[in-house]
Amino acid sequence: MNTVNILLPVLNEEKRLKRGLDKLLPFMDNFFLGRYVLTVVDNGSSDKTENIAKDYVAKFNQVKYIKLAERGVGLAFRAGCAENNSDIVGYMDIDLSTDINCLLEVDKFFKNEETDIVNASRLSKGSVVIGRKWYRSVSSYGLKYLLKIVFNMRIDDAICGFKFYRKKCVEKLISGASDLPGWFYCIELIIRAERQGFNIKELPVTWTDDPNSKVNFFKQIKNYIVNIIKLFFVLRKEGKN
């Protein structure tokens, strides 16, 4: 059976960290006993996040903690992968916006040795999205079709924060990717994975929107467009070499 390392990127999550871990730990003990790690990756929190995480580390051997000085999900993901020793490594939001039962489907996919990546999708047939604001739905579909046009992307949802990789696969992808700190890094990895022919299984998920999301919608859209343009030229240059 595959061992699994779930990375939990956090930034000032003192209110949600305990709730998330309290729900994940019994679930993982029930279905993944003896073969899982929960790694809290702290992107420079200034609240009580660190203290809470360290309390769990002291109580549970399955909980690990990494402290970073800088912010960014891309940074958190790379840091977690750098210290990963499990067969499968991936990340999910600490608010558990993706139904944790989807982890069972991830496990099933990786029983097939040909599966390299499991990518969650909120935009595929069979997905259930709850409480999503209309303008965020519009932006998600807009980003989906923009990525399909620019990069000939085949998956439906490149940004959903629930992705899992085989260890060797993600290490190869990271070695050839950029050092972007933010969310777009995760999009870059999945686009590169498609171009390199990795076997990606897309998983329709049940996903509940967080009404207290800290994401700046317009800043995020601008960031995506700028980085799409940059990545287009980087990949074109790589293709010519």
Protein backbone atom coordinates (compact mmCIF):
# COMPACT_ATOMS: atom_id res chain seq x y z
CA MET A 1 0.00 0.00 0.00
CA ASN A 2 1.24 3.49 -0.85
CA THR A 3 2.28 5.87 1.91
CA VAL A 4 0.78 9.37 1.63
CA ASN A 5 2.03 12.79 2.70
CA ILE A 6 -0.65 15.50 2.72
CA LEU A 7 0.80 19.01 2.68
CA LEU A 8 -1.35 21.66 4.37
CA PRO A 9 -0.13 25.17 3.40
CA VAL A 10 -1.24 27.71 6.02
CA LEU A 11 -0.96 31.44 6.62
CA ASN A 12 -2.46 32.85 9.82
CA GLU A 13 -4.89 29.98 10.18
CA GLU A 14 -5.24 29.85 13.96
CA LYS A 15 -9.03 29.65 13.61
CA ARG A 16 -9.13 26.84 11.06
CA LEU A 17 -6.00 24.78 11.71
CA LYS A 18 -7.27 22.95 14.79
CA ARG A 19 -10.66 22.30 13.20
CA GLY A 20 -9.03 20.91 10.05
CA LEU A 21 -6.57 18.65 11.88
CA ASP A 22 -9.25 17.41 14.28
CA LYS A 23 -11.28 16.24 11.31
CA LEU A 24 -8.41 14.86 9.24
CA LEU A 25 -6.64 12.85 11.94
CA PRO A 26 -9.47 10.42 12.81
CA PHE A 27 -10.35 10.08 9.13
CA MET A 28 -6.76 9.21 8.20
CA ASP A 29 -6.44 6.81 11.16
CA ASN A 30 -9.58 5.06 9.96
CA PHE A 31 -8.57 4.62 6.33
CA PHE A 32 -4.79 5.20 6.12
CA LEU A 33 -3.53 3.95 9.49
CA GLY A 34 0.24 3.54 9.57
CA ARG A 35 0.85 4.99 6.13
CA TYR A 36 0.19 8.71 6.26
CA VAL A 37 1.75 12.01 7.31
CA LEU A 38 0.06 15.41 7.65
CA THR A 39 2.61 18.17 7.04
CA VAL A 40 1.63 21.68 8.05
CA VAL A 41 3.67 24.13 5.97
CA ASP A 42 3.54 27.58 7.54
CA ASN A 43 4.13 30.52 5.17
CA GLY A 44 5.25 33.05 7.77
CA SER A 45 2.20 33.19 10.06
CA SER A 46 2.20 35.90 12.70
CA ASP A 47 -0.74 34.63 14.76
CA LYS A 48 -0.97 31.46 16.90
CA THR A 49 -0.73 29.09 13.93
CA GLU A 50 2.79 27.97 14.82
CA ASN A 51 1.91 27.26 18.46
CA ILE A 52 -1.16 25.25 17.49
CA ALA A 53 0.77 23.24 14.90
CA LYS A 54 3.56 22.45 17.35
CA ASP A 55 1.00 21.25 19.91
CA TYR A 56 -0.21 18.69 17.38
CA VAL A 57 3.34 17.68 16.47
CA ALA A 58 3.99 16.98 20.16
CA LYS A 59 0.83 14.86 20.46
CA PHE A 60 0.76 13.04 17.13
CA ASN A 61 3.67 11.33 15.37
CA GLN A 62 1.78 11.65 12.09
CA VAL A 63 1.83 15.47 12.15
CA LYS A 64 4.90 17.35 10.90
CA TYR A 65 5.56 21.10 10.80
CA ILE A 66 7.64 23.23 8.44
CA LYS A 67 8.13 26.95 9.07
CA LEU A 68 8.92 29.28 6.16
CA ALA A 69 9.76 32.97 6.32
CA GLU A 70 8.12 33.78 2.99
CA ARG A 71 4.58 33.50 1.71
CA GLY A 72 3.24 31.51 -1.22
CA VAL A 73 1.63 28.15 -1.93
CA GLY A 74 4.30 27.38 -4.52
CA LEU A 75 7.00 27.85 -1.89
CA ALA A 76 5.06 25.72 0.58
CA PHE A 77 4.60 22.91 -1.92
CA ARG A 78 8.29 22.81 -2.89
CA ALA A 79 9.37 22.89 0.77
CA GLY A 80 7.03 20.03 1.62
CA CYS A 81 8.19 17.95 -1.35
CA ALA A 82 11.84 18.56 -0.44
CA GLU A 83 11.28 16.84 2.91
CA ASN A 84 8.87 14.19 1.65
CA ASN A 85 9.65 10.49 2.07
CA SER A 86 6.22 9.10 1.18
CA ASP A 87 5.26 7.34 -2.06
CA ILE A 88 2.52 9.90 -2.74
CA VAL A 89 2.64 13.61 -1.91
CA GLY A 90 0.02 16.26 -2.49
CA TYR A 91 -1.70 19.25 -0.98
CA MET A 92 -5.13 20.37 0.13
CA ASP A 93 -6.63 23.41 1.86
CA ILE A 94 -6.82 23.38 5.64
CA ASP A 95 -10.44 24.56 5.46
CA LEU A 96 -11.18 21.18 3.82
CA SER A 97 -13.11 22.82 1.01
CA THR A 98 -12.60 19.57 -0.90
CA ASP A 99 -14.55 16.74 0.74
CA ILE A 100 -11.98 14.58 2.56
CA ASN A 101 -13.74 11.44 1.32
CA CYS A 102 -12.15 12.26 -2.03
CA LEU A 103 -8.87 11.07 -0.48
CA LEU A 104 -10.25 7.54 -0.76
CA GLU A 105 -10.60 7.99 -4.51
CA VAL A 106 -7.03 9.33 -4.69
CA ASP A 107 -5.83 6.19 -2.93
CA LYS A 108 -7.73 3.97 -5.38
CA PHE A 109 -6.22 5.75 -8.39
CA PHE A 110 -2.67 5.25 -7.14
CA LYS A 111 -3.17 1.52 -6.70
CA ASN A 112 -2.76 1.50 -10.47
CA GLU A 113 1.00 1.77 -11.04
CA GLU A 114 0.42 3.70 -14.28
CA THR A 115 -1.13 6.68 -12.45
CA ASP A 116 1.38 9.50 -11.92
CA ILE A 117 -0.91 12.35 -10.82
CA VAL A 118 -4.44 12.72 -9.46
CA ASN A 119 -5.86 16.16 -10.20
CA ALA A 120 -9.09 17.29 -8.57
CA SER A 121 -11.62 19.13 -10.70
CA ARG A 122 -14.55 21.32 -9.75
CA LEU A 123 -15.41 21.82 -13.41
CA SER A 124 -15.86 18.25 -14.64
CA LYS A 125 -19.05 16.28 -15.08
CA GLY A 126 -19.89 14.73 -11.74
CA SER A 127 -18.35 17.51 -9.66
CA VAL A 128 -20.48 19.17 -6.96
CA VAL A 129 -19.72 22.79 -6.07
CA ILE A 130 -21.46 24.38 -3.09
CA GLY A 131 -21.66 28.09 -2.27
CA ARG A 132 -19.48 29.27 -5.14
CA LYS A 133 -19.94 32.97 -5.92
CA TRP A 134 -21.01 33.53 -9.52
CA TYR A 135 -18.04 35.72 -10.42
CA ARG A 136 -15.59 33.11 -9.12
CA SER A 137 -17.32 30.46 -11.23
CA VAL A 138 -17.03 32.71 -14.28
CA SER A 139 -13.33 33.32 -13.61
CA SER A 140 -12.66 29.58 -13.13
CA TYR A 141 -14.25 28.71 -16.46
CA GLY A 142 -12.50 31.64 -18.11
CA LEU A 143 -9.12 30.47 -16.81
CA LYS A 144 -9.89 26.92 -17.91
CA TYR A 145 -10.55 27.90 -21.52
CA LEU A 146 -7.66 30.36 -21.60
CA LEU A 147 -5.26 27.61 -20.53
CA LYS A 148 -6.77 25.25 -23.10
CA ILE A 149 -6.28 27.81 -25.86
CA VAL A 150 -2.76 28.89 -24.89
CA PHE A 151 -1.30 25.55 -23.77
CA ASN A 152 -3.69 23.02 -25.33
CA MET A 153 -4.44 21.89 -21.78
CA ARG A 154 -6.52 18.69 -21.62
CA ILE A 155 -7.59 18.63 -17.96
CA ASP A 156 -10.58 20.69 -16.83
CA ASP A 157 -9.38 22.36 -13.62
CA ALA A 158 -5.73 23.32 -13.17
CA ILE A 159 -6.15 25.43 -10.05
CA CYS A 160 -8.23 23.32 -7.63
CA GLY A 161 -6.19 23.01 -4.43
CA PHE A 162 -6.25 19.23 -4.24
CA LYS A 163 -3.50 17.53 -6.24
CA PHE A 164 -1.42 14.42 -5.57
CA TYR A 165 1.76 13.14 -7.24
CA ARG A 166 4.00 10.11 -7.16
CA LYS A 167 7.28 11.04 -5.50
CA LYS A 168 9.51 10.50 -8.54
CA CYS A 169 7.05 12.31 -10.80
CA VAL A 170 6.84 15.49 -8.73
CA GLU A 171 10.59 15.58 -8.12
CA LYS A 172 11.20 15.49 -11.86
CA LEU A 173 8.64 18.23 -12.50
CA ILE A 174 10.04 20.48 -9.76
CA SER A 175 13.59 20.09 -11.06
CA GLY A 176 12.58 21.58 -14.41
CA ALA A 177 10.06 24.19 -13.30
CA SER A 178 10.29 27.81 -12.19
CA ASP A 179 10.64 29.09 -8.62
CA LEU A 180 7.38 31.05 -8.56
CA PRO A 181 6.17 31.47 -4.98
CA GLY A 182 2.41 31.64 -5.52
CA TRP A 183 -0.56 29.62 -6.77
CA PHE A 184 0.43 29.77 -10.44
CA TYR A 185 3.34 27.46 -9.69
CA CYS A 186 0.82 24.65 -9.18
CA ILE A 187 -0.72 25.40 -12.58
CA GLU A 188 2.72 25.37 -14.17
CA LEU A 189 3.48 21.91 -12.76
CA ILE A 190 0.30 20.36 -14.14
CA ILE A 191 0.83 21.95 -17.57
CA ARG A 192 4.41 20.67 -17.66
CA ALA A 193 3.18 17.25 -16.56
CA GLU A 194 0.82 17.08 -19.55
CA ARG A 195 3.54 18.15 -21.95
CA GLN A 196 5.90 15.51 -20.55
CA GLY A 197 3.34 12.75 -20.95
CA PHE A 198 2.68 11.88 -17.33
CA ASN A 199 -0.47 9.85 -16.69
CA ILE A 200 -2.94 12.27 -15.07
CA LYS A 201 -6.25 11.10 -13.66
CA GLU A 202 -8.83 13.81 -13.16
CA LEU A 203 -11.09 13.41 -10.15
CA PRO A 204 -14.50 15.14 -9.94
CA VAL A 205 -14.90 16.36 -6.38
CA THR A 206 -17.41 17.77 -3.96
CA TRP A 207 -16.13 21.23 -3.13
CA THR A 208 -17.54 23.84 -0.75
CA ASP A 209 -16.59 27.48 -1.17
CA ASP A 210 -15.12 29.25 1.83
CA PRO A 211 -17.11 32.48 2.38
CA ASN A 212 -14.17 33.89 4.36
CA SER A 213 -11.57 33.33 1.65
CA LYS A 214 -8.61 35.70 1.87
CA VAL A 215 -7.94 35.60 -1.86
CA ASN A 216 -7.98 39.00 -3.60
CA PHE A 217 -10.06 38.15 -6.66
CA PHE A 218 -8.88 40.90 -9.03
CA LYS A 219 -5.24 40.63 -7.96
CA GLN A 220 -5.40 36.89 -8.55
CA ILE A 221 -6.82 37.30 -12.08
CA LYS A 222 -4.09 39.78 -12.98
CA ASN A 223 -1.46 37.42 -11.59
CA TYR A 224 -2.78 34.52 -13.64
CA ILE A 225 -2.77 36.48 -16.91
CA VAL A 226 0.76 37.82 -16.37
CA ASN A 227 2.10 34.37 -15.53
CA ILE A 228 0.29 32.68 -18.42
CA ILE A 229 2.07 35.03 -20.81
CA LYS A 230 5.44 34.42 -19.12
CA LEU A 231 5.01 30.64 -19.12
CA PHE A 232 3.98 30.65 -22.79
CA PHE A 233 7.27 32.24 -23.81
CA VAL A 234 9.31 30.07 -21.42
CA LEU A 235 7.83 26.87 -22.84
CA ARG A 236 8.23 28.08 -26.40
CA LYS A 237 11.89 28.84 -25.74
CA GLU A 238 12.38 25.43 -24.13
CA GLY A 239 10.78 23.79 -27.16
CA LYS A 240 13.29 25.43 -29.47
CA ASN A 241 16.32 24.25 -27.49
